Amino acid sequence: MKRFSLGTLSFLVVLALGAGISLAASYPNKAVELIAPANPGGGWDLTCRSSAKVLQEAKIISVPITVFNKPGGFGAVVFNDIVRNRRTDDHVLIAFSAVLTTQLALKNIKYTYKDITPIASLFVDYGVLAVKKGSPHNTLPALLSALKQNPGAVSLAGSSPPGGLDHIKLCLLAQAYGVRPKDIRYVAFQGGADALAALLGGHVAGFTGDAGEIAAHSEAGTVLPLATLSPQRLHGIYKNTPTAKELGLDVVSGNWRGFYGPPEMPKEALAFWEKALGKMVKTPEWKKVLDQNAWIDLFQTGEGLNTFLSKELAGYEKILKELGIAK
């Protein structure tokens, strides 16, 4: 009986381990959702759609991938829903970026990055200030000079709320030029595409956002980028666009983007996506995406990513206090 019992126990252990291996090997076993917490056409949306396309074209993911747009609260609505209602859903990934960090710094979200599962950052999309083709403010000094002379007559659109990343970029530029941040007329939209539409429609004088968000319009010539907020000039369509630093304004601002998962995402699922996204960023298809949008590689996972997020949050909390936006 002892032999039989020990043998039976060993068999059950092996069977259980085998089942675990089989379960891990079958993941993902249904369609995957990529959620962009903004309207179509912006940076989060482009991140999701580009990633879904490359993951499937490169045959890294075999199950269907569906992109959903769920705007609201500049990422807060989806964040709260995932934490409260989809804690164990291991087949959903949500786009996040420095925009979400600013919302945490402003305390517009009750939770922190410790309440979700950061998966990976993928790239940096550097800031840009742009105007519509034919604008009388066809250089950055010209636009900032007009803003300084009559702040109320020069409105600028962005896709983050007051105190959010796009507003911060504008405040830092204005401050460097001698304009008080509180005098700026900033108009917030729920996505980069909406802010761009306001610019193209002539409703605002300028656009503050990220280079990738207006890449197609910059290439087509309907939008004139005045300056990028990158450490050095970007490549491709922005090779002739000066940096703010070149124009005497020491302002650098990059918006990284990537994906996070629900709070209780299993370790096996997290490891799967870290590996899958790691494969994706090495493909020729992804490198083409980076080139088209002037994105700069920033692939991070694990402890490196978590440390990066903690430092960034502390940095934005400090900037917001210095600008007088947060106490």
Protein backbone atom coordinates (compact mmCIF):
# COMPACT_ATOMS: atom_id res chain seq x y z
CA MET A 1 0.00 0.00 0.00
CA LYS A 2 2.91 2.37 0.83
CA ARG A 3 4.51 1.70 -2.55
CA PHE A 4 1.21 2.20 -4.28
CA SER A 5 0.52 5.40 -2.37
CA LEU A 6 3.96 6.85 -3.06
CA GLY A 7 3.75 5.84 -6.69
CA THR A 8 0.31 7.33 -7.01
CA LEU A 9 1.50 10.55 -5.33
CA SER A 10 4.47 10.81 -7.68
CA PHE A 11 2.20 10.25 -10.66
CA LEU A 12 -0.17 12.99 -9.48
CA VAL A 13 2.72 15.44 -8.96
CA VAL A 14 4.05 14.77 -12.46
CA LEU A 15 0.54 15.10 -13.87
CA ALA A 16 0.03 18.43 -12.10
CA LEU A 17 3.38 19.77 -13.30
CA GLY A 18 2.59 18.62 -16.80
CA ALA A 19 -0.74 20.40 -16.69
CA GLY A 20 1.00 23.60 -15.59
CA ILE A 21 3.47 23.37 -18.44
CA SER A 22 0.65 22.67 -20.88
CA LEU A 23 -1.30 25.68 -19.57
CA ALA A 24 1.70 27.97 -19.97
CA ALA A 25 2.38 26.64 -23.45
CA SER A 26 -1.20 27.32 -24.57
CA TYR A 27 -1.19 31.00 -23.52
CA PRO A 28 -2.68 33.12 -25.00
CA ASN A 29 -5.58 30.84 -25.82
CA LYS A 30 -8.13 33.46 -26.97
CA ALA A 31 -8.24 36.88 -28.57
CA VAL A 32 -6.13 39.58 -26.95
CA GLU A 33 -7.33 43.14 -26.29
CA LEU A 34 -5.06 46.15 -26.65
CA ILE A 35 -6.72 49.17 -25.08
CA ALA A 36 -5.87 52.73 -26.13
CA PRO A 37 -7.20 55.07 -23.39
CA ALA A 38 -7.90 57.85 -25.93
CA ASN A 39 -9.70 58.55 -29.17
CA PRO A 40 -8.38 57.11 -32.46
CA GLY A 41 -5.44 58.84 -34.09
CA GLY A 42 -3.36 59.81 -31.06
CA GLY A 43 -0.17 58.38 -29.60
CA TRP A 44 -1.76 55.66 -27.47
CA ASP A 45 -3.91 54.56 -30.39
CA LEU A 46 -0.92 54.47 -32.74
CA THR A 47 1.07 52.47 -30.19
CA CYS A 48 -1.68 49.83 -29.98
CA ARG A 49 -2.35 49.57 -33.70
CA SER A 50 1.33 49.49 -34.67
CA SER A 51 2.10 46.84 -32.04
CA ALA A 52 -0.88 44.67 -33.03
CA LYS A 53 0.13 44.85 -36.70
CA VAL A 54 3.76 43.92 -36.12
CA LEU A 55 3.01 41.18 -33.56
CA GLN A 56 0.80 39.44 -36.10
CA GLU A 57 2.76 40.18 -39.26
CA ALA A 58 5.93 38.84 -37.63
CA LYS A 59 3.94 35.80 -36.41
CA ILE A 60 4.88 36.46 -32.79
CA ILE A 61 1.22 36.21 -31.72
CA SER A 62 -1.09 33.72 -33.41
CA VAL A 63 -4.42 34.62 -31.75
CA PRO A 64 -6.49 37.62 -32.94
CA ILE A 65 -5.55 41.03 -31.51
CA THR A 66 -8.27 43.66 -31.25
CA VAL A 67 -7.64 47.34 -30.49
CA PHE A 68 -10.26 49.18 -28.42
CA ASN A 69 -10.40 52.93 -27.83
CA LYS A 70 -11.69 53.88 -24.38
CA PRO A 71 -11.09 57.59 -23.76
CA GLY A 72 -11.80 59.28 -20.47
CA GLY A 73 -9.80 61.08 -17.82
CA PHE A 74 -6.63 60.92 -19.92
CA GLY A 75 -6.10 57.28 -19.00
CA ALA A 76 -7.81 57.39 -15.60
CA VAL A 77 -11.09 55.75 -16.69
CA VAL A 78 -9.40 52.64 -18.07
CA PHE A 79 -6.91 52.51 -15.20
CA ASN A 80 -9.69 52.53 -12.61
CA ASP A 81 -11.73 49.95 -14.54
CA ILE A 82 -8.79 47.55 -14.81
CA VAL A 83 -7.94 47.84 -11.11
CA ARG A 84 -11.54 47.49 -9.92
CA ASN A 85 -13.19 45.16 -12.43
CA ARG A 86 -10.60 43.28 -14.52
CA ARG A 87 -7.93 42.42 -11.99
CA THR A 88 -7.36 38.88 -13.25
CA ASP A 89 -7.95 39.35 -16.98
CA ASP A 90 -4.69 38.07 -18.47
CA HIS A 91 -5.72 38.67 -22.09
CA VAL A 92 -5.77 42.49 -21.97
CA LEU A 93 -2.91 44.98 -22.31
CA ILE A 94 -3.34 48.73 -21.86
CA ALA A 95 -1.22 51.43 -23.44
CA PHE A 96 0.43 53.79 -20.99
CA SER A 97 3.00 56.55 -21.13
CA ALA A 98 4.44 59.58 -19.36
CA VAL A 99 0.97 61.13 -19.73
CA LEU A 100 -0.32 58.64 -17.18
CA THR A 101 2.61 59.44 -14.89
CA THR A 102 1.58 63.10 -14.85
CA GLN A 103 -1.97 62.08 -13.90
CA LEU A 104 -0.58 60.13 -10.96
CA ALA A 105 1.60 63.11 -10.02
CA LEU A 106 -1.48 65.37 -10.08
CA LYS A 107 -3.34 62.83 -7.90
CA ASN A 108 -6.07 62.57 -10.54
CA ILE A 109 -5.90 58.79 -10.08
CA LYS A 110 -6.21 57.27 -6.60
CA TYR A 111 -3.93 54.36 -7.39
CA THR A 112 -0.22 54.08 -8.25
CA TYR A 113 1.92 52.01 -10.60
CA LYS A 114 2.14 49.42 -7.82
CA ASP A 115 -1.58 48.74 -8.31
CA ILE A 116 -1.14 47.46 -11.89
CA THR A 117 1.44 45.30 -13.70
CA PRO A 118 3.88 47.34 -15.79
CA ILE A 119 4.93 45.14 -18.72
CA ALA A 120 7.24 47.16 -20.97
CA SER A 121 8.14 50.58 -22.27
CA LEU A 122 8.78 50.48 -26.01
CA PHE A 123 10.01 53.85 -27.27
CA VAL A 124 10.23 57.60 -26.68
CA ASP A 125 8.17 60.04 -28.73
CA TYR A 126 9.78 63.47 -28.27
CA GLY A 127 7.74 66.61 -27.88
CA VAL A 128 7.03 69.07 -30.67
CA LEU A 129 5.47 72.49 -31.06
CA ALA A 130 3.76 73.04 -34.41
CA VAL A 131 1.49 75.41 -36.34
CA LYS A 132 -0.75 75.09 -39.37
CA LYS A 133 0.76 75.68 -42.80
CA GLY A 134 0.57 79.38 -43.65
CA SER A 135 0.58 80.53 -40.02
CA PRO A 136 2.11 83.97 -39.42
CA HIS A 137 4.03 82.39 -36.53
CA ASN A 138 6.37 80.31 -38.69
CA THR A 139 9.22 80.01 -36.18
CA LEU A 140 9.27 79.09 -32.49
CA PRO A 141 10.54 82.57 -31.44
CA ALA A 142 7.73 84.16 -33.49
CA LEU A 143 5.05 82.05 -31.79
CA LEU A 144 6.46 82.58 -28.30
CA SER A 145 6.90 86.30 -28.96
CA ALA A 146 3.22 86.56 -29.92
CA LEU A 147 2.33 84.58 -26.80
CA LYS A 148 4.41 86.95 -24.68
CA GLN A 149 2.87 90.10 -26.18
CA ASN A 150 -0.74 88.94 -25.88
CA PRO A 151 -1.16 85.57 -24.10
CA GLY A 152 -4.95 85.66 -24.35
CA ALA A 153 -4.90 85.87 -28.15
CA VAL A 154 -2.66 82.84 -28.72
CA SER A 155 -4.27 79.53 -27.79
CA LEU A 156 -2.49 76.19 -28.06
CA ALA A 157 -3.98 72.70 -28.13
CA GLY A 158 -2.72 69.49 -26.56
CA SER A 159 -3.99 66.06 -25.64
CA SER A 160 -3.47 66.14 -21.89
CA PRO A 161 -5.29 68.10 -19.16
CA PRO A 162 -3.93 71.21 -17.48
CA GLY A 163 -0.92 69.98 -15.57
CA GLY A 164 -0.53 67.02 -17.93
CA LEU A 165 2.44 66.31 -20.15
CA ASP A 166 1.52 68.49 -23.15
CA HIS A 167 0.71 71.40 -20.86
CA ILE A 168 3.98 70.90 -18.98
CA LYS A 169 5.97 71.04 -22.25
CA LEU A 170 4.32 74.31 -23.17
CA CYS A 171 4.82 75.78 -19.69
CA LEU A 172 8.53 74.91 -19.70
CA LEU A 173 9.02 76.50 -23.14
CA ALA A 174 7.04 79.60 -22.21
CA GLN A 175 8.87 79.97 -18.90
CA ALA A 176 12.23 79.69 -20.66
CA TYR A 177 11.10 82.51 -22.98
CA GLY A 178 9.93 84.74 -20.14
CA VAL A 179 6.20 83.99 -20.26
CA ARG A 180 4.41 83.15 -17.01
CA PRO A 181 2.91 79.61 -17.22
CA LYS A 182 -0.35 80.80 -15.63
CA ASP A 183 -0.89 83.26 -18.50
CA ILE A 184 -0.91 80.55 -21.18
CA ARG A 185 -4.19 79.83 -22.94
CA TYR A 186 -4.06 76.04 -23.19
CA VAL A 187 -6.92 73.98 -24.67
CA ALA A 188 -7.07 70.29 -23.62
CA PHE A 189 -8.43 67.49 -25.82
CA GLN A 190 -8.95 63.74 -25.23
CA GLY A 191 -6.44 62.72 -27.90
CA GLY A 192 -3.70 63.99 -30.18
CA ALA A 193 -5.93 63.62 -33.24
CA ASP A 194 -8.55 65.90 -31.69
CA ALA A 195 -5.96 68.53 -30.80
CA LEU A 196 -4.54 68.32 -34.33
CA ALA A 197 -8.02 68.72 -35.82
CA ALA A 198 -8.45 71.93 -33.80
CA LEU A 199 -5.18 73.22 -35.27
CA LEU A 200 -6.07 72.30 -38.85
CA GLY A 201 -9.52 73.84 -38.41
CA GLY A 202 -7.98 77.14 -37.38
CA HIS A 203 -9.45 77.05 -33.87
CA VAL A 204 -6.07 77.33 -32.13
CA ALA A 205 -2.77 78.97 -33.06
CA GLY A 206 -0.51 76.07 -32.21
CA PHE A 207 -0.22 72.41 -31.27
CA THR A 208 1.82 70.96 -28.42
CA GLY A 209 2.22 67.21 -28.51
CA ASP A 210 4.57 64.52 -29.75
CA ALA A 211 6.45 64.21 -33.03
CA GLY A 212 4.85 60.87 -33.89
CA GLU A 213 1.34 62.27 -33.54
CA ILE A 214 1.84 64.76 -36.38
CA ALA A 215 4.40 62.82 -38.47
CA ALA A 216 2.05 62.20 -41.42
CA HIS A 217 0.87 65.83 -41.50
CA SER A 218 4.43 67.11 -41.16
CA GLU A 219 5.46 64.97 -44.11
CA ALA A 220 2.44 66.11 -46.15
CA GLY A 221 3.19 69.76 -45.36
CA THR A 222 -0.17 70.60 -43.82
CA VAL A 223 1.53 71.17 -40.47
CA LEU A 224 4.78 73.03 -39.81
CA PRO A 225 6.80 71.72 -36.85
CA LEU A 226 8.60 74.69 -35.27
CA ALA A 227 10.85 72.75 -32.88
CA THR A 228 11.29 69.34 -31.33
CA LEU A 229 11.99 68.89 -27.63
CA SER A 230 14.63 66.22 -28.24
CA PRO A 231 18.27 66.24 -27.06
CA GLN A 232 19.39 66.38 -30.69
CA ARG A 233 17.62 66.60 -34.03
CA LEU A 234 15.33 63.73 -34.91
CA HIS A 235 15.84 61.75 -38.09
CA GLY A 236 13.70 61.40 -41.19
CA ILE A 237 11.02 64.03 -41.74
CA TYR A 238 12.27 66.05 -38.76
CA LYS A 239 15.90 66.27 -39.86
CA ASN A 240 15.42 69.94 -40.84
CA THR A 241 13.43 70.85 -37.72
CA PRO A 242 15.56 72.55 -35.05
CA THR A 243 15.48 71.50 -31.43
CA ALA A 244 14.37 73.97 -28.77
CA LYS A 245 17.91 73.83 -27.41
CA GLU A 246 19.28 74.98 -30.77
CA LEU A 247 16.96 77.99 -30.51
CA GLY A 248 18.27 78.89 -27.07
CA LEU A 249 15.57 77.23 -24.94
CA ASP A 250 16.97 74.44 -22.79
CA VAL A 251 13.84 72.26 -22.76
CA VAL A 252 13.87 68.50 -23.42
CA SER A 253 10.68 66.44 -23.06
CA GLY A 254 10.06 62.90 -24.19
CA ASN A 255 6.88 60.85 -23.91
CA TRP A 256 7.73 57.15 -23.62
CA ARG A 257 4.99 54.65 -24.43
CA GLY A 258 4.38 51.00 -23.63
CA PHE A 259 1.92 48.55 -22.07
CA TYR A 260 0.71 47.53 -18.64
CA GLY A 261 -1.51 44.66 -17.49
CA PRO A 262 -4.07 44.07 -14.72
CA PRO A 263 -2.99 43.91 -11.04
CA GLU A 264 -3.19 40.12 -10.81
CA MET A 265 -1.72 39.21 -14.18
CA PRO A 266 -0.07 35.78 -13.68
CA LYS A 267 3.73 35.69 -13.73
CA GLU A 268 3.60 33.34 -16.70
CA ALA A 269 1.52 35.82 -18.70
CA LEU A 270 3.82 38.72 -17.73
CA ALA A 271 6.88 36.70 -18.80
CA PHE A 272 5.16 35.82 -22.08
CA TRP A 273 4.48 39.46 -22.98
CA GLU A 274 7.94 40.63 -21.92
CA LYS A 275 9.40 38.04 -24.28
CA ALA A 276 6.89 38.69 -27.09
CA LEU A 277 7.39 42.47 -27.03
CA GLY A 278 11.14 41.92 -26.76
CA LYS A 279 10.96 39.94 -30.01
CA MET A 280 8.74 42.57 -31.62
CA VAL A 281 11.14 45.48 -31.07
CA LYS A 282 13.91 43.56 -32.84
CA THR A 283 11.94 42.96 -36.05
CA PRO A 284 12.50 44.90 -39.29
CA GLU A 285 8.77 45.71 -39.27
CA TRP A 286 9.06 47.48 -35.90
CA LYS A 287 12.19 49.35 -36.90
CA LYS A 288 10.23 50.67 -39.88
CA VAL A 289 7.48 51.86 -37.51
CA LEU A 290 10.08 53.70 -35.42
CA ASP A 291 11.51 55.40 -38.49
CA GLN A 292 8.10 56.46 -39.84
CA ASN A 293 7.13 58.14 -36.57
CA ALA A 294 10.55 59.44 -35.46
CA TRP A 295 10.29 57.27 -32.35
CA ILE A 296 13.42 56.38 -30.38
CA ASP A 297 13.82 52.86 -28.96
CA LEU A 298 13.39 52.55 -25.18
CA PHE A 299 12.64 48.90 -24.44
CA GLN A 300 12.52 48.25 -20.68
CA THR A 301 10.95 45.52 -18.55
CA GLY A 302 11.12 44.19 -14.99
CA GLU A 303 12.93 46.02 -12.22
CA GLY A 304 14.54 48.43 -14.67
CA LEU A 305 11.11 49.60 -15.80
CA ASN A 306 9.73 49.84 -12.26
CA THR A 307 12.71 51.92 -11.12
CA PHE A 308 12.30 54.17 -14.16
CA LEU A 309 8.61 54.74 -13.37
CA SER A 310 9.32 55.62 -9.73
CA LYS A 311 11.99 58.15 -10.67
CA GLU A 312 9.82 59.70 -13.37
CA LEU A 313 6.88 60.12 -10.99
CA ALA A 314 9.09 61.89 -8.44
CA GLY A 315 10.48 64.09 -11.23
CA TYR A 316 7.06 65.22 -12.45
CA GLU A 317 5.85 65.88 -8.91
CA LYS A 318 8.83 68.23 -8.53
CA ILE A 319 8.25 69.97 -11.90
CA LEU A 320 4.55 70.53 -11.19
CA LYS A 321 5.37 72.18 -7.87
CA GLU A 322 8.04 74.38 -9.46
CA LEU A 323 5.58 75.52 -12.16
CA GLY A 324 3.00 76.30 -9.50
CA ILE A 325 0.51 73.81 -10.96
CA ALA A 326 0.52 71.46 -7.97
CA LYS A 327 1.08 72.11 -4.27
